[in-house]
Amino acid sequence: MQLHDAEHSIEAILFASGEPVELQKICEVMDSDEKTVKNLIERIRERYLYQSSPFDIVMLGDAYQMCTLPQYAEIIRRALTLRKTTALSQASLEVLAVIAYNQPVTRAFVEQVRGVDCGGIVKSLVDKDLIEEAGRLPIPGKPISYKPTANFLRCFGLENLEQLPELPHLAPETPDDEEAEQQLDGQIDFFE
């Protein structure tokens, strides 16, 4: 297969899929190795950039997806009469963060971290395709564990979960902190 035809074949696969396609699947269909397919995808992306195309190909974990550039989102939304997506609530973002940073986890784990029932939020995040079932744990009751989806990566502009921002680490209290706290306790007892 000629280079030009190979690029067009990959474009056709990604366009027709409408969803992320695993690199391994593309290699299998193209009867080619990963390095060659990655190079072909990079050539397509360079061509899009050179031609000022409204398209790009993004990597989502170990998969690729054809998409439009962000600056065309509003016009596409209007053309397709899509309703605007609603922002996630603070509680939904918290649940999503617990799952993303600790995945795969059960709903019980999320509830233990947050201290409140999260059943409705977990269901909502599954419905929004931000998390998915990652299997069942081999313990009594066989609870479902959850992990982020490729759609989660796409929505947050990540290639993989390693790109999540680092969590701030709380420094342990030092003896000076405890002493200052005890002094303050004596000074503000009248507020209680």
N, C-alpha and C. Protein backbone atom coordinates (compact mmCIF):
# COMPACT_ATOMS: atom_id res chain seq x y z
N MET A 1 0.85 -1.18 0.00
CA MET A 1 0.00 0.00 0.00
C MET A 1 0.89 1.24 0.00
N GLN A 2 0.58 2.19 -0.84
CA GLN A 2 1.35 3.42 -0.93
C GLN A 2 1.11 4.28 0.31
N LEU A 3 2.08 5.13 0.61
CA LEU A 3 2.01 5.99 1.79
C LEU A 3 0.74 6.83 1.80
N HIS A 4 0.41 7.42 0.67
CA HIS A 4 -0.78 8.25 0.54
C HIS A 4 -2.04 7.44 0.84
N ASP A 5 -2.12 6.25 0.29
CA ASP A 5 -3.28 5.38 0.52
C ASP A 5 -3.35 4.94 1.98
N ALA A 6 -2.21 4.68 2.59
CA ALA A 6 -2.18 4.26 3.99
C ALA A 6 -2.72 5.36 4.90
N GLU A 7 -2.30 6.60 4.63
CA GLU A 7 -2.82 7.73 5.42
C GLU A 7 -4.32 7.86 5.26
N HIS A 8 -4.79 7.79 4.02
CA HIS A 8 -6.23 7.91 3.77
C HIS A 8 -7.01 6.77 4.42
N SER A 9 -6.42 5.58 4.45
CA SER A 9 -7.09 4.44 5.08
C SER A 9 -7.25 4.68 6.58
N ILE A 10 -6.21 5.19 7.22
CA ILE A 10 -6.30 5.49 8.66
C ILE A 10 -7.33 6.58 8.90
N GLU A 11 -7.32 7.62 8.09
CA GLU A 11 -8.32 8.68 8.22
C GLU A 11 -9.73 8.12 8.09
N ALA A 12 -9.93 7.26 7.12
CA ALA A 12 -11.26 6.67 6.90
C ALA A 12 -11.69 5.84 8.11
N ILE A 13 -10.78 5.07 8.67
CA ILE A 13 -11.10 4.26 9.86
C ILE A 13 -11.53 5.16 11.01
N LEU A 14 -10.74 6.20 11.28
CA LEU A 14 -11.03 7.08 12.41
C LEU A 14 -12.30 7.89 12.18
N PHE A 15 -12.51 8.34 10.95
CA PHE A 15 -13.71 9.12 10.63
C PHE A 15 -14.96 8.27 10.77
N ALA A 16 -14.93 7.08 10.22
CA ALA A 16 -16.12 6.21 10.24
C ALA A 16 -16.44 5.72 11.64
N SER A 17 -15.42 5.54 12.46
CA SER A 17 -15.64 5.03 13.81
C SER A 17 -16.40 6.03 14.67
N GLY A 18 -15.99 7.28 14.64
CA GLY A 18 -16.63 8.27 15.49
C GLY A 18 -16.28 8.12 16.96
N GLU A 19 -15.52 7.11 17.29
CA GLU A 19 -15.08 6.84 18.66
C GLU A 19 -13.59 6.55 18.63
N PRO A 20 -12.95 6.54 19.80
CA PRO A 20 -11.52 6.19 19.81
C PRO A 20 -11.30 4.77 19.28
N VAL A 21 -10.26 4.60 18.48
CA VAL A 21 -9.89 3.30 17.94
C VAL A 21 -8.51 2.96 18.50
N GLU A 22 -8.41 1.78 19.12
CA GLU A 22 -7.15 1.39 19.73
C GLU A 22 -6.05 1.27 18.68
N LEU A 23 -4.86 1.71 19.07
CA LEU A 23 -3.70 1.65 18.18
C LEU A 23 -3.49 0.23 17.67
N GLN A 24 -3.62 -0.74 18.55
CA GLN A 24 -3.41 -2.14 18.17
C GLN A 24 -4.38 -2.57 17.07
N LYS A 25 -5.62 -2.09 17.15
CA LYS A 25 -6.63 -2.43 16.14
C LYS A 25 -6.25 -1.82 14.79
N ILE A 26 -5.80 -0.57 14.81
CA ILE A 26 -5.38 0.07 13.56
C ILE A 26 -4.21 -0.68 12.95
N CYS A 27 -3.24 -1.06 13.78
CA CYS A 27 -2.07 -1.82 13.30
C CYS A 27 -2.51 -3.13 12.67
N GLU A 28 -3.45 -3.79 13.33
CA GLU A 28 -3.96 -5.07 12.84
C GLU A 28 -4.62 -4.91 11.46
N VAL A 29 -5.49 -3.92 11.34
CA VAL A 29 -6.21 -3.68 10.09
C VAL A 29 -5.26 -3.25 8.98
N MET A 30 -4.27 -2.43 9.34
CA MET A 30 -3.33 -1.91 8.35
C MET A 30 -2.20 -2.90 8.07
N ASP A 31 -2.15 -3.97 8.83
CA ASP A 31 -1.08 -4.97 8.71
C ASP A 31 0.28 -4.28 8.81
N SER A 32 0.42 -3.48 9.91
CA SER A 32 1.62 -2.69 10.08
C SER A 32 2.00 -2.65 11.56
N ASP A 33 3.21 -2.19 11.85
CA ASP A 33 3.67 -2.11 13.24
C ASP A 33 3.28 -0.75 13.84
N GLU A 34 3.37 -0.65 15.17
CA GLU A 34 2.95 0.56 15.89
C GLU A 34 3.73 1.80 15.45
N LYS A 35 5.04 1.65 15.29
CA LYS A 35 5.86 2.80 14.92
C LYS A 35 5.41 3.37 13.58
N THR A 36 5.14 2.50 12.61
CA THR A 36 4.71 2.96 11.29
C THR A 36 3.36 3.66 11.37
N VAL A 37 2.42 3.07 12.10
CA VAL A 37 1.09 3.67 12.22
C VAL A 37 1.17 5.01 12.94
N LYS A 38 1.96 5.10 14.01
CA LYS A 38 2.12 6.37 14.71
C LYS A 38 2.71 7.43 13.78
N ASN A 39 3.70 7.04 12.96
CA ASN A 39 4.28 7.98 12.00
C ASN A 39 3.26 8.45 10.97
N LEU A 40 2.42 7.52 10.50
CA LEU A 40 1.37 7.88 9.54
C LEU A 40 0.38 8.86 10.16
N ILE A 41 -0.01 8.60 11.39
CA ILE A 41 -0.95 9.50 12.08
C ILE A 41 -0.32 10.87 12.27
N GLU A 42 0.96 10.91 12.61
CA GLU A 42 1.64 12.19 12.77
C GLU A 42 1.71 12.94 11.44
N ARG A 43 1.90 12.24 10.33
CA ARG A 43 1.91 12.87 9.00
C ARG A 43 0.52 13.46 8.68
N ILE A 44 -0.54 12.73 9.05
CA ILE A 44 -1.90 13.23 8.82
C ILE A 44 -2.10 14.52 9.62
N ARG A 45 -1.68 14.49 10.89
CA ARG A 45 -1.83 15.67 11.75
C ARG A 45 -1.06 16.86 11.19
N GLU A 46 0.15 16.62 10.66
CA GLU A 46 0.95 17.69 10.06
C GLU A 46 0.26 18.25 8.82
N ARG A 47 -0.34 17.36 8.03
CA ARG A 47 -1.07 17.80 6.85
C ARG A 47 -2.26 18.67 7.25
N TYR A 48 -2.98 18.25 8.29
CA TYR A 48 -4.11 19.05 8.78
C TYR A 48 -3.64 20.45 9.18
N LEU A 49 -2.53 20.50 9.89
CA LEU A 49 -1.99 21.77 10.36
C LEU A 49 -1.56 22.64 9.17
N TYR A 50 -0.87 22.05 8.22
CA TYR A 50 -0.39 22.77 7.05
C TYR A 50 -1.56 23.31 6.23
N GLN A 51 -2.63 22.54 6.12
CA GLN A 51 -3.79 22.94 5.32
C GLN A 51 -4.78 23.79 6.11
N SER A 52 -4.46 24.11 7.36
CA SER A 52 -5.37 24.84 8.25
C SER A 52 -6.71 24.12 8.33
N SER A 53 -6.66 22.82 8.41
CA SER A 53 -7.85 21.98 8.48
C SER A 53 -8.55 22.17 9.83
N PRO A 54 -9.86 22.01 9.87
CA PRO A 54 -10.58 22.09 11.15
C PRO A 54 -10.48 20.79 11.94
N PHE A 55 -9.73 19.81 11.43
CA PHE A 55 -9.65 18.50 12.06
C PHE A 55 -8.31 18.27 12.75
N ASP A 56 -8.32 17.32 13.68
CA ASP A 56 -7.10 16.85 14.31
C ASP A 56 -7.35 15.40 14.71
N ILE A 57 -6.29 14.72 15.05
CA ILE A 57 -6.38 13.36 15.57
C ILE A 57 -5.73 13.40 16.95
N VAL A 58 -6.49 13.01 17.95
CA VAL A 58 -5.98 13.05 19.32
C VAL A 58 -5.75 11.64 19.84
N MET A 59 -4.75 11.55 20.72
CA MET A 59 -4.44 10.28 21.36
C MET A 59 -5.15 10.25 22.70
N LEU A 60 -5.89 9.19 22.95
CA LEU A 60 -6.62 9.01 24.21
C LEU A 60 -6.21 7.67 24.80
N GLY A 61 -5.26 7.71 25.71
CA GLY A 61 -4.74 6.46 26.25
C GLY A 61 -3.97 5.73 25.17
N ASP A 62 -4.43 4.53 24.82
CA ASP A 62 -3.78 3.75 23.76
C ASP A 62 -4.65 3.73 22.50
N ALA A 63 -5.47 4.77 22.34
CA ALA A 63 -6.38 4.85 21.19
C ALA A 63 -6.27 6.23 20.54
N TYR A 64 -6.76 6.32 19.29
CA TYR A 64 -6.78 7.58 18.56
C TYR A 64 -8.20 7.89 18.14
N GLN A 65 -8.50 9.20 18.05
CA GLN A 65 -9.82 9.63 17.59
C GLN A 65 -9.69 10.88 16.75
N MET A 66 -10.44 10.92 15.66
CA MET A 66 -10.51 12.11 14.83
C MET A 66 -11.50 13.06 15.50
N CYS A 67 -11.15 14.34 15.54
CA CYS A 67 -12.05 15.32 16.14
C CYS A 67 -11.88 16.66 15.43
N THR A 68 -12.75 17.58 15.75
CA THR A 68 -12.64 18.93 15.22
C THR A 68 -11.89 19.78 16.24
N LEU A 69 -11.31 20.86 15.78
CA LEU A 69 -10.59 21.76 16.67
C LEU A 69 -11.59 22.49 17.57
N PRO A 70 -11.16 22.82 18.78
CA PRO A 70 -12.07 23.45 19.76
C PRO A 70 -12.75 24.73 19.27
N GLN A 71 -12.08 25.51 18.41
CA GLN A 71 -12.68 26.77 17.97
C GLN A 71 -13.93 26.58 17.10
N TYR A 72 -14.20 25.35 16.67
CA TYR A 72 -15.38 25.09 15.84
C TYR A 72 -16.53 24.50 16.66
N ALA A 73 -16.33 24.35 17.95
CA ALA A 73 -17.35 23.70 18.80
C ALA A 73 -18.70 24.42 18.76
N GLU A 74 -18.68 25.74 18.87
CA GLU A 74 -19.95 26.49 18.93
C GLU A 74 -20.72 26.39 17.62
N ILE A 75 -20.04 26.54 16.50
CA ILE A 75 -20.73 26.48 15.21
C ILE A 75 -21.28 25.07 14.96
N ILE A 76 -20.53 24.06 15.37
CA ILE A 76 -21.01 22.68 15.22
C ILE A 76 -22.22 22.46 16.11
N ARG A 77 -22.13 22.97 17.33
CA ARG A 77 -23.25 22.84 18.28
C ARG A 77 -24.52 23.47 17.70
N ARG A 78 -24.36 24.65 17.13
CA ARG A 78 -25.53 25.33 16.55
C ARG A 78 -26.05 24.57 15.33
N ALA A 79 -25.13 24.09 14.49
CA ALA A 79 -25.54 23.38 13.27
C ALA A 79 -26.27 22.09 13.60
N LEU A 80 -25.85 21.43 14.63
CA LEU A 80 -26.47 20.16 15.01
C LEU A 80 -27.56 20.34 16.05
N THR A 81 -27.82 21.60 16.40
CA THR A 81 -28.82 21.95 17.42
C THR A 81 -28.65 21.12 18.68
N LEU A 82 -27.39 20.98 19.08
CA LEU A 82 -27.11 20.28 20.33
C LEU A 82 -27.33 21.25 21.48
N ARG A 83 -27.83 20.75 22.56
CA ARG A 83 -27.97 21.61 23.73
C ARG A 83 -26.60 21.70 24.40
N LYS A 84 -26.37 22.79 25.07
CA LYS A 84 -25.09 22.97 25.74
C LYS A 84 -24.99 21.97 26.88
N THR A 85 -23.79 21.46 27.06
CA THR A 85 -23.60 20.52 28.15
C THR A 85 -23.59 21.28 29.47
N THR A 86 -24.13 20.66 30.48
CA THR A 86 -24.17 21.30 31.77
C THR A 86 -22.86 21.01 32.51
N ALA A 87 -22.45 21.97 33.27
CA ALA A 87 -21.23 21.80 34.04
C ALA A 87 -21.47 20.76 35.13
N LEU A 88 -20.41 20.08 35.53
CA LEU A 88 -20.52 19.10 36.60
C LEU A 88 -20.58 19.84 37.94
N SER A 89 -21.38 19.29 38.85
CA SER A 89 -21.47 19.87 40.19
C SER A 89 -20.16 19.62 40.93
N GLN A 90 -19.98 20.33 42.03
CA GLN A 90 -18.78 20.15 42.85
C GLN A 90 -18.71 18.71 43.34
N ALA A 91 -19.85 18.14 43.74
CA ALA A 91 -19.89 16.76 44.23
C ALA A 91 -19.49 15.79 43.12
N SER A 92 -19.97 16.02 41.90
CA SER A 92 -19.61 15.16 40.78
C SER A 92 -18.12 15.23 40.48
N LEU A 93 -17.56 16.43 40.53
CA LEU A 93 -16.13 16.60 40.30
C LEU A 93 -15.31 15.88 41.38
N GLU A 94 -15.80 15.94 42.62
CA GLU A 94 -15.09 15.25 43.71
C GLU A 94 -15.10 13.75 43.49
N VAL A 95 -16.27 13.19 43.15
CA VAL A 95 -16.38 11.75 42.90
C VAL A 95 -15.49 11.36 41.73
N LEU A 96 -15.53 12.15 40.67
CA LEU A 96 -14.71 11.89 39.49
C LEU A 96 -13.22 11.92 39.83
N ALA A 97 -12.82 12.86 40.66
CA ALA A 97 -11.41 12.95 41.07
C ALA A 97 -11.00 11.72 41.88
N VAL A 98 -11.85 11.30 42.81
CA VAL A 98 -11.52 10.12 43.63
C VAL A 98 -11.34 8.90 42.72
N ILE A 99 -12.23 8.75 41.75
CA ILE A 99 -12.15 7.60 40.85
C ILE A 99 -10.92 7.71 39.95
N ALA A 100 -10.68 8.88 39.38
CA ALA A 100 -9.55 9.06 38.45
C ALA A 100 -8.21 8.83 39.13
N TYR A 101 -8.05 9.33 40.35
CA TYR A 101 -6.76 9.21 41.03
C TYR A 101 -6.55 7.86 41.70
N ASN A 102 -7.62 7.09 41.92
CA ASN A 102 -7.48 5.83 42.65
C ASN A 102 -7.94 4.62 41.86
N GLN A 103 -8.37 4.79 40.64
CA GLN A 103 -8.99 3.74 39.84
C GLN A 103 -8.19 2.46 39.74
N PRO A 104 -8.87 1.34 39.62
CA PRO A 104 -10.32 1.17 39.72
C PRO A 104 -10.76 1.11 41.18
N VAL A 105 -11.89 1.72 41.49
CA VAL A 105 -12.42 1.75 42.85
C VAL A 105 -13.91 1.45 42.87
N THR A 106 -14.37 1.02 44.01
CA THR A 106 -15.80 0.75 44.19
C THR A 106 -16.52 2.00 44.67
N ARG A 107 -17.83 1.96 44.55
CA ARG A 107 -18.65 3.07 45.06
C ARG A 107 -18.44 3.21 46.57
N ALA A 108 -18.31 2.08 47.27
CA ALA A 108 -18.11 2.12 48.72
C ALA A 108 -16.81 2.86 49.07
N PHE A 109 -15.77 2.67 48.27
CA PHE A 109 -14.51 3.37 48.50
C PHE A 109 -14.72 4.88 48.35
N VAL A 110 -15.42 5.29 47.29
CA VAL A 110 -15.68 6.71 47.04
C VAL A 110 -16.49 7.28 48.21
N GLU A 111 -17.49 6.54 48.66
CA GLU A 111 -18.32 7.01 49.76
C GLU A 111 -17.53 7.11 51.05
N GLN A 112 -16.59 6.21 51.26
CA GLN A 112 -15.74 6.26 52.45
C GLN A 112 -14.86 7.51 52.40
N VAL A 113 -14.31 7.82 51.24
CA VAL A 113 -13.46 9.00 51.10
C VAL A 113 -14.28 10.28 51.30
N ARG A 114 -15.46 10.35 50.69
CA ARG A 114 -16.28 11.56 50.75
C ARG A 114 -17.14 11.65 52.00
N GLY A 115 -17.48 10.50 52.59
CA GLY A 115 -18.29 10.51 53.80
C GLY A 115 -19.78 10.66 53.56
N VAL A 116 -20.21 10.55 52.30
CA VAL A 116 -21.64 10.64 51.97
C VAL A 116 -21.99 9.64 50.88
N ASP A 117 -23.28 9.35 50.72
CA ASP A 117 -23.75 8.45 49.67
C ASP A 117 -23.44 9.06 48.31
N CYS A 118 -22.93 8.24 47.40
CA CYS A 118 -22.55 8.72 46.07
C CYS A 118 -23.22 7.93 44.95
N GLY A 119 -24.22 7.11 45.28
CA GLY A 119 -24.86 6.26 44.29
C GLY A 119 -25.40 7.02 43.10
N GLY A 120 -26.13 8.10 43.36
CA GLY A 120 -26.71 8.90 42.28
C GLY A 120 -25.66 9.56 41.41
N ILE A 121 -24.61 10.04 42.05
CA ILE A 121 -23.54 10.71 41.30
C ILE A 121 -22.80 9.70 40.43
N VAL A 122 -22.51 8.53 40.98
CA VAL A 122 -21.80 7.50 40.21
C VAL A 122 -22.65 7.13 38.99
N LYS A 123 -23.95 6.94 39.18
CA LYS A 123 -24.84 6.60 38.06
C LYS A 123 -24.83 7.71 37.01
N SER A 124 -24.88 8.96 37.46
CA SER A 124 -24.86 10.10 36.55
C SER A 124 -23.56 10.15 35.74
N LEU A 125 -22.43 9.87 36.40
CA LEU A 125 -21.15 9.89 35.70
C LEU A 125 -21.05 8.74 34.70
N VAL A 126 -21.65 7.60 35.02
CA VAL A 126 -21.70 6.48 34.07
C VAL A 126 -22.57 6.89 32.87
N ASP A 127 -23.73 7.51 33.14
CA ASP A 127 -24.63 7.96 32.07
C ASP A 127 -23.97 8.99 31.17
N LYS A 128 -23.11 9.83 31.73
CA LYS A 128 -22.40 10.86 30.96
C LYS A 128 -21.16 10.29 30.28
N ASP A 129 -20.91 8.99 30.45
CA ASP A 129 -19.76 8.30 29.85
C ASP A 129 -18.43 8.88 30.32
N LEU A 130 -18.37 9.31 31.60
CA LEU A 130 -17.12 9.78 32.17
C LEU A 130 -16.42 8.69 32.97
N ILE A 131 -17.22 7.73 33.47
CA ILE A 131 -16.66 6.55 34.14
C ILE A 131 -17.37 5.32 33.61
N GLU A 132 -16.74 4.17 33.79
CA GLU A 132 -17.32 2.91 33.35
C GLU A 132 -16.95 1.80 34.30
N GLU A 133 -17.67 0.71 34.21
CA GLU A 133 -17.37 -0.45 35.04
C GLU A 133 -16.02 -1.01 34.64
N ALA A 134 -15.23 -1.35 35.66
CA ALA A 134 -13.90 -1.92 35.41
C ALA A 134 -13.86 -3.38 35.85
N GLY A 135 -15.02 -3.94 36.15
CA GLY A 135 -15.10 -5.32 36.59
C GLY A 135 -15.65 -5.41 38.00
N ARG A 136 -15.70 -6.63 38.50
CA ARG A 136 -16.20 -6.86 39.86
C ARG A 136 -15.07 -7.40 40.72
N LEU A 137 -15.07 -6.97 41.97
CA LEU A 137 -14.03 -7.44 42.89
C LEU A 137 -14.37 -8.85 43.38
N PRO A 138 -13.37 -9.69 43.55
CA PRO A 138 -13.60 -11.07 44.00
C PRO A 138 -13.76 -11.16 45.52
N ILE A 139 -14.68 -10.37 46.07
CA ILE A 139 -14.97 -10.40 47.50
C ILE A 139 -16.47 -10.58 47.67
N PRO A 140 -16.92 -10.89 48.88
CA PRO A 140 -18.37 -11.09 49.08
C PRO A 140 -19.18 -9.90 48.54
N GLY A 141 -20.24 -10.23 47.85
CA GLY A 141 -21.08 -9.22 47.22
C GLY A 141 -20.60 -8.81 45.85
N LYS A 142 -19.38 -9.16 45.51
CA LYS A 142 -18.78 -8.84 44.20
C LYS A 142 -19.12 -7.41 43.74
N PRO A 143 -18.65 -6.39 44.51
CA PRO A 143 -18.98 -5.01 44.13
C PRO A 143 -18.32 -4.61 42.81
N ILE A 144 -18.99 -3.71 42.11
CA ILE A 144 -18.49 -3.20 40.83
C ILE A 144 -17.41 -2.15 41.12
N SER A 145 -16.32 -2.22 40.36
CA SER A 145 -15.31 -1.17 40.45
C SER A 145 -15.44 -0.28 39.21
N TYR A 146 -15.01 0.95 39.34
CA TYR A 146 -15.16 1.94 38.27
C TYR A 146 -13.81 2.54 37.91
N LYS A 147 -13.71 2.98 36.64
CA LYS A 147 -12.52 3.66 36.15
C LYS A 147 -12.96 4.73 35.16
N PRO A 148 -12.10 5.73 34.88
CA PRO A 148 -12.43 6.77 33.90
C PRO A 148 -12.48 6.18 32.48
N THR A 149 -13.25 6.82 31.62
CA THR A 149 -13.39 6.39 30.22
C THR A 149 -12.49 7.22 29.31
N ALA A 150 -12.44 6.82 28.05
CA ALA A 150 -11.74 7.63 27.03
C ALA A 150 -12.42 8.98 26.89
N ASN A 151 -13.74 9.02 27.09
CA ASN A 151 -14.47 10.28 27.02
C ASN A 151 -14.01 11.22 28.14
N PHE A 152 -13.72 10.69 29.32
CA PHE A 152 -13.16 11.48 30.42
C PHE A 152 -11.86 12.14 29.96
N LEU A 153 -10.97 11.33 29.36
CA LEU A 153 -9.70 11.87 28.88
C LEU A 153 -9.94 12.99 27.87
N ARG A 154 -10.86 12.75 26.93
CA ARG A 154 -11.15 13.74 25.90
C ARG A 154 -11.70 15.03 26.52
N CYS A 155 -12.65 14.90 27.44
CA CYS A 155 -13.28 16.08 28.06
C CYS A 155 -12.28 16.92 28.85
N PHE A 156 -11.30 16.26 29.46
CA PHE A 156 -10.33 16.99 30.27
C PHE A 156 -9.02 17.24 29.54
N GLY A 157 -8.98 16.92 28.24
CA GLY A 157 -7.81 17.20 27.41
C GLY A 157 -6.56 16.43 27.80
N LEU A 158 -6.75 15.17 28.19
CA LEU A 158 -5.62 14.34 28.61
C LEU A 158 -5.39 13.22 27.62
N GLU A 159 -4.14 12.80 27.46
CA GLU A 159 -3.83 11.63 26.65
C GLU A 159 -3.95 10.36 27.48
N ASN A 160 -3.61 10.48 28.77
CA ASN A 160 -3.68 9.34 29.67
C ASN A 160 -3.78 9.86 31.10
N LEU A 161 -4.02 8.95 32.04
CA LEU A 161 -4.23 9.36 33.43
C LEU A 161 -2.94 9.85 34.10
N GLU A 162 -1.79 9.53 33.53
CA GLU A 162 -0.54 10.03 34.09
C GLU A 162 -0.43 11.55 33.96
N GLN A 163 -1.24 12.14 33.08
CA GLN A 163 -1.22 13.59 32.90
C GLN A 163 -2.10 14.33 33.89
N LEU A 164 -2.78 13.59 34.79
CA LEU A 164 -3.55 14.27 35.83
C LEU A 164 -2.62 15.13 36.66
N PRO A 165 -3.07 16.30 37.10
CA PRO A 165 -2.20 17.13 37.93
C PRO A 165 -1.85 16.40 39.23
N GLU A 166 -0.69 16.69 39.74
CA GLU A 166 -0.26 16.06 40.99
C GLU A 166 -1.11 16.59 42.13
N LEU A 167 -1.49 15.72 43.04
CA LEU A 167 -2.28 16.13 44.19
C LEU A 167 -1.38 16.85 45.19
N PRO A 168 -1.90 17.91 45.81
CA PRO A 168 -1.09 18.59 46.83
C PRO A 168 -0.96 17.67 48.04
N HIS A 169 0.21 17.63 48.61
CA HIS A 169 0.43 16.81 49.79
C HIS A 169 0.39 17.70 51.02
N LEU A 170 -0.38 17.29 51.99
CA LEU A 170 -0.47 18.06 53.22
C LEU A 170 0.73 17.73 54.09
N ALA A 171 1.41 18.76 54.53
CA ALA A 171 2.58 18.55 55.39
C ALA A 171 2.11 18.13 56.77
N PRO A 172 2.80 17.17 57.39
CA PRO A 172 2.40 16.76 58.74
C PRO A 172 2.62 17.90 59.71
N GLU A 173 1.79 17.92 60.75
CA GLU A 173 1.93 18.98 61.74
C GLU A 173 3.26 18.84 62.46
N THR A 174 3.91 19.98 62.67
CA THR A 174 5.17 19.98 63.41
C THR A 174 4.86 20.32 64.86
N PRO A 175 5.78 20.04 65.78
CA PRO A 175 5.53 20.39 67.18
C PRO A 175 5.21 21.87 67.36
N ASP A 176 5.84 22.76 66.55
CA ASP A 176 5.55 24.19 66.64
C ASP A 176 4.10 24.47 66.29
N ASP A 177 3.56 23.77 65.29
CA ASP A 177 2.16 23.95 64.89
C ASP A 177 1.23 23.56 66.03
N GLU A 178 1.54 22.44 66.69
CA GLU A 178 0.70 21.97 67.79
C GLU A 178 0.73 22.97 68.94
N GLU A 179 1.92 23.52 69.23
CA GLU A 179 2.06 24.49 70.31
C GLU A 179 1.26 25.76 70.00
N ALA A 180 1.34 26.23 68.76
CA ALA A 180 0.59 27.43 68.36
C ALA A 180 -0.90 27.17 68.44
N GLU A 181 -1.31 25.95 68.07
CA GLU A 181 -2.72 25.59 68.13
C GLU A 181 -3.23 25.61 69.56
N GLN A 182 -2.41 25.09 70.51
CA GLN A 182 -2.80 25.07 71.92
C GLN A 182 -2.92 26.49 72.46
N GLN A 183 -2.01 27.37 72.03
CA GLN A 183 -2.09 28.76 72.47
C GLN A 183 -3.35 29.42 71.95
N LEU A 184 -3.69 29.16 70.70
CA LEU A 184 -4.90 29.72 70.11
C LEU A 184 -6.14 29.16 70.77
N ASP A 185 -6.12 27.88 71.12
CA ASP A 185 -7.27 27.28 71.78
C ASP A 185 -7.61 28.04 73.04
N GLY A 186 -6.60 28.40 73.81
CA GLY A 186 -6.84 29.14 75.05
C GLY A 186 -7.37 30.54 74.79
N GLN A 187 -7.02 31.11 73.66
CA GLN A 187 -7.44 32.48 73.36
C GLN A 187 -8.82 32.58 72.76
N ILE A 188 -9.33 31.50 72.17
CA ILE A 188 -10.61 31.62 71.48
C ILE A 188 -11.70 30.74 72.09
N ASP A 189 -11.51 30.34 73.35
CA ASP A 189 -12.52 29.52 74.00
C ASP A 189 -13.88 30.24 74.09
N PHE A 190 -13.86 31.57 74.16
CA PHE A 190 -15.13 32.28 74.32
C PHE A 190 -16.00 32.24 73.07
N PHE A 191 -15.47 31.79 71.93
CA PHE A 191 -16.28 31.68 70.71
C PHE A 191 -17.11 30.42 70.69
N GLU A 192 -16.79 29.45 71.52
CA GLU A 192 -17.48 28.16 71.48
C GLU A 192 -18.85 28.24 72.10
